[in-house]
Amino acid sequence: NININITLQDLCSHFHYSPSRFSSLFKQRTGYSPIDYFIQLKMQKASQLLDFTDQSIKDIAYTFGFDDPYYFSRRFRNTIGVSPKKYRSIKKD
């Protein structure tokens, strides 16, 4: 389900926990909040698409449920350390 947007409430409903309890347990086990962890996974998968395909950044953003490619680029930069465009150019060199 990495290509869809999952809310904290969706996760809590699935596991039958309150949001605060679920977040606390999740962070204890992973070191990340549930949403930060999910974003991290999306960015790792986006990195793979940037590495191995010629898919546009806009299409990759849409693939992972980001309606705004600029927001995707900001999240990618915050997670990976460089913009998607820069990441792709570094990997192609």
C-alpha atoms as a PDB file:
ATOM      1  CA  ASN A   1       0.000   0.000   0.000  1.00  0.00           C
ATOM      2  CA  ILE A   2       2.955   2.318  -0.384  1.00  0.00           C
ATOM      3  CA  ASN A   3       1.368   4.051  -3.361  1.00  0.00           C
ATOM      4  CA  ILE A   4      -1.665   5.268  -1.419  1.00  0.00           C
ATOM      5  CA  ASN A   5      -2.035   7.779   1.362  1.00  0.00           C
ATOM      6  CA  ILE A   6      -2.650   6.076   4.676  1.00  0.00           C
ATOM      7  CA  THR A   7      -3.664   8.124   7.673  1.00  0.00           C
ATOM      8  CA  LEU A   8      -2.803   7.462  11.265  1.00  0.00           C
ATOM      9  CA  GLN A   9      -6.494   6.833  11.873  1.00  0.00           C
ATOM     10  CA  ASP A  10      -6.488   4.132   9.161  1.00  0.00           C
ATOM     11  CA  LEU A  11      -3.627   2.351  10.920  1.00  0.00           C
ATOM     12  CA  CYS A  12      -5.210   2.709  14.344  1.00  0.00           C
ATOM     13  CA  SER A  13      -8.506   1.306  13.126  1.00  0.00           C
ATOM     14  CA  HIS A  14      -6.754  -1.651  11.551  1.00  0.00           C
ATOM     15  CA  PHE A  15      -4.809  -2.514  14.706  1.00  0.00           C
ATOM     16  CA  HIS A  16      -7.525  -1.471  17.186  1.00  0.00           C
ATOM     17  CA  TYR A  17      -5.414   1.045  19.097  1.00  0.00           C
ATOM     18  CA  SER A  18      -5.938   4.674  19.951  1.00  0.00           C
ATOM     19  CA  PRO A  19      -3.743   7.049  17.907  1.00  0.00           C
ATOM     20  CA  SER A  20      -1.580   7.931  20.908  1.00  0.00           C
ATOM     21  CA  ARG A  21      -1.062   4.290  21.944  1.00  0.00           C
ATOM     22  CA  PHE A  22      -0.326   3.147  18.405  1.00  0.00           C
ATOM     23  CA  SER A  23       2.130   6.019  17.824  1.00  0.00           C
ATOM     24  CA  SER A  24       3.883   5.299  21.107  1.00  0.00           C
ATOM     25  CA  LEU A  25       4.276   1.577  20.401  1.00  0.00           C
ATOM     26  CA  PHE A  26       5.348   2.183  16.820  1.00  0.00           C
ATOM     27  CA  LYS A  27       7.987   4.731  17.804  1.00  0.00           C
ATOM     28  CA  GLN A  28       9.348   2.429  20.523  1.00  0.00           C
ATOM     29  CA  ARG A  29       9.882  -0.323  17.979  1.00  0.00           C
ATOM     30  CA  THR A  30      11.086   1.660  14.965  1.00  0.00           C
ATOM     31  CA  GLY A  31      12.409   4.961  16.272  1.00  0.00           C
ATOM     32  CA  TYR A  32      10.065   6.817  13.900  1.00  0.00           C
ATOM     33  CA  SER A  33       6.534   8.088  14.078  1.00  0.00           C
ATOM     34  CA  PRO A  34       4.205   6.008  11.877  1.00  0.00           C
ATOM     35  CA  ILE A  35       3.776   8.734   9.282  1.00  0.00           C
ATOM     36  CA  ASP A  36       7.513   9.563   9.145  1.00  0.00           C
ATOM     37  CA  TYR A  37       8.265   5.871   8.682  1.00  0.00           C
ATOM     38  CA  PHE A  38       5.722   5.601   5.870  1.00  0.00           C
ATOM     39  CA  ILE A  39       7.179   8.688   4.152  1.00  0.00           C
ATOM     40  CA  GLN A  40      10.666   7.171   4.527  1.00  0.00           C
ATOM     41  CA  LEU A  41       9.487   4.017   2.744  1.00  0.00           C
ATOM     42  CA  LYS A  42       7.906   6.059  -0.040  1.00  0.00           C
ATOM     43  CA  MET A  43      11.110   8.032  -0.563  1.00  0.00           C
ATOM     44  CA  GLN A  44      13.210   4.858  -0.689  1.00  0.00           C
ATOM     45  CA  LYS A  45      10.923   3.418  -3.351  1.00  0.00           C
ATOM     46  CA  ALA A  46      10.931   6.745  -5.214  1.00  0.00           C
ATOM     47  CA  SER A  47      14.741   6.611  -5.166  1.00  0.00           C
ATOM     48  CA  GLN A  48      14.598   3.232  -6.863  1.00  0.00           C
ATOM     49  CA  LEU A  49      12.342   4.609  -9.589  1.00  0.00           C
ATOM     50  CA  LEU A  50      14.701   7.545 -10.074  1.00  0.00           C
ATOM     51  CA  ASP A  51      17.622   5.103 -10.313  1.00  0.00           C
ATOM     52  CA  PHE A  52      16.129   2.550 -12.655  1.00  0.00           C
ATOM     53  CA  THR A  53      13.511   4.304 -14.777  1.00  0.00           C
ATOM     54  CA  ASP A  54      13.173   7.422 -16.890  1.00  0.00           C
ATOM     55  CA  GLN A  55       9.786   8.151 -15.333  1.00  0.00           C
ATOM     56  CA  SER A  56       9.274  11.865 -14.739  1.00  0.00           C
ATOM     57  CA  ILE A  57       9.507  13.228 -11.207  1.00  0.00           C
ATOM     58  CA  LYS A  58       5.906  14.353 -11.521  1.00  0.00           C
ATOM     59  CA  ASP A  59       4.787  10.811 -12.415  1.00  0.00           C
ATOM     60  CA  ILE A  60       6.809   9.346  -9.549  1.00  0.00           C
ATOM     61  CA  ALA A  61       5.168  11.820  -7.182  1.00  0.00           C
ATOM     62  CA  TYR A  62       1.721  10.734  -8.388  1.00  0.00           C
ATOM     63  CA  THR A  63       2.734   7.061  -8.120  1.00  0.00           C
ATOM     64  CA  PHE A  64       3.289   7.490  -4.392  1.00  0.00           C
ATOM     65  CA  GLY A  65       0.113   9.448  -3.720  1.00  0.00           C
ATOM     66  CA  PHE A  66       1.513  12.987  -3.810  1.00  0.00           C
ATOM     67  CA  ASP A  67      -0.901  15.296  -5.626  1.00  0.00           C
ATOM     68  CA  ASP A  68       1.661  18.101  -5.624  1.00  0.00           C
ATOM     69  CA  PRO A  69       5.052  17.330  -7.243  1.00  0.00           C
ATOM     70  CA  TYR A  70       6.611  20.327  -5.454  1.00  0.00           C
ATOM     71  CA  TYR A  71       5.559  18.945  -2.080  1.00  0.00           C
ATOM     72  CA  PHE A  72       6.957  15.553  -3.098  1.00  0.00           C
ATOM     73  CA  SER A  73      10.260  17.203  -4.031  1.00  0.00           C
ATOM     74  CA  ARG A  74      10.425  18.985  -0.660  1.00  0.00           C
ATOM     75  CA  ARG A  75       9.736  15.758   1.236  1.00  0.00           C
ATOM     76  CA  PHE A  76      12.267  13.901  -0.903  1.00  0.00           C
ATOM     77  CA  ARG A  77      14.922  16.554  -0.213  1.00  0.00           C
ATOM     78  CA  ASN A  78      14.199  16.490   3.528  1.00  0.00           C
ATOM     79  CA  THR A  79      14.409  12.678   3.636  1.00  0.00           C
ATOM     80  CA  ILE A  80      17.183  11.883   1.158  1.00  0.00           C
ATOM     81  CA  GLY A  81      19.208  15.093   1.396  1.00  0.00           C
ATOM     82  CA  VAL A  82      19.016  16.255  -2.224  1.00  0.00           C
ATOM     83  CA  SER A  83      16.203  17.077  -4.640  1.00  0.00           C
ATOM     84  CA  PRO A  84      14.881  14.282  -6.883  1.00  0.00           C
ATOM     85  CA  LYS A  85      16.389  16.000  -9.934  1.00  0.00           C
ATOM     86  CA  LYS A  86      19.804  16.275  -8.266  1.00  0.00           C
ATOM     87  CA  TYR A  87      19.544  12.676  -7.003  1.00  0.00           C
ATOM     88  CA  ARG A  88      18.880  11.406 -10.518  1.00  0.00           C
ATOM     89  CA  SER A  89      21.720  13.445 -12.025  1.00  0.00           C
ATOM     90  CA  ILE A  90      24.165  12.162  -9.389  1.00  0.00           C
ATOM     91  CA  LYS A  91      23.165   8.551 -10.036  1.00  0.00           C
ATOM     92  CA  LYS A  92      23.427   8.941 -13.823  1.00  0.00           C
ATOM     93  CA  ASP A  93      27.019  10.237 -13.630  1.00  0.00           C
END
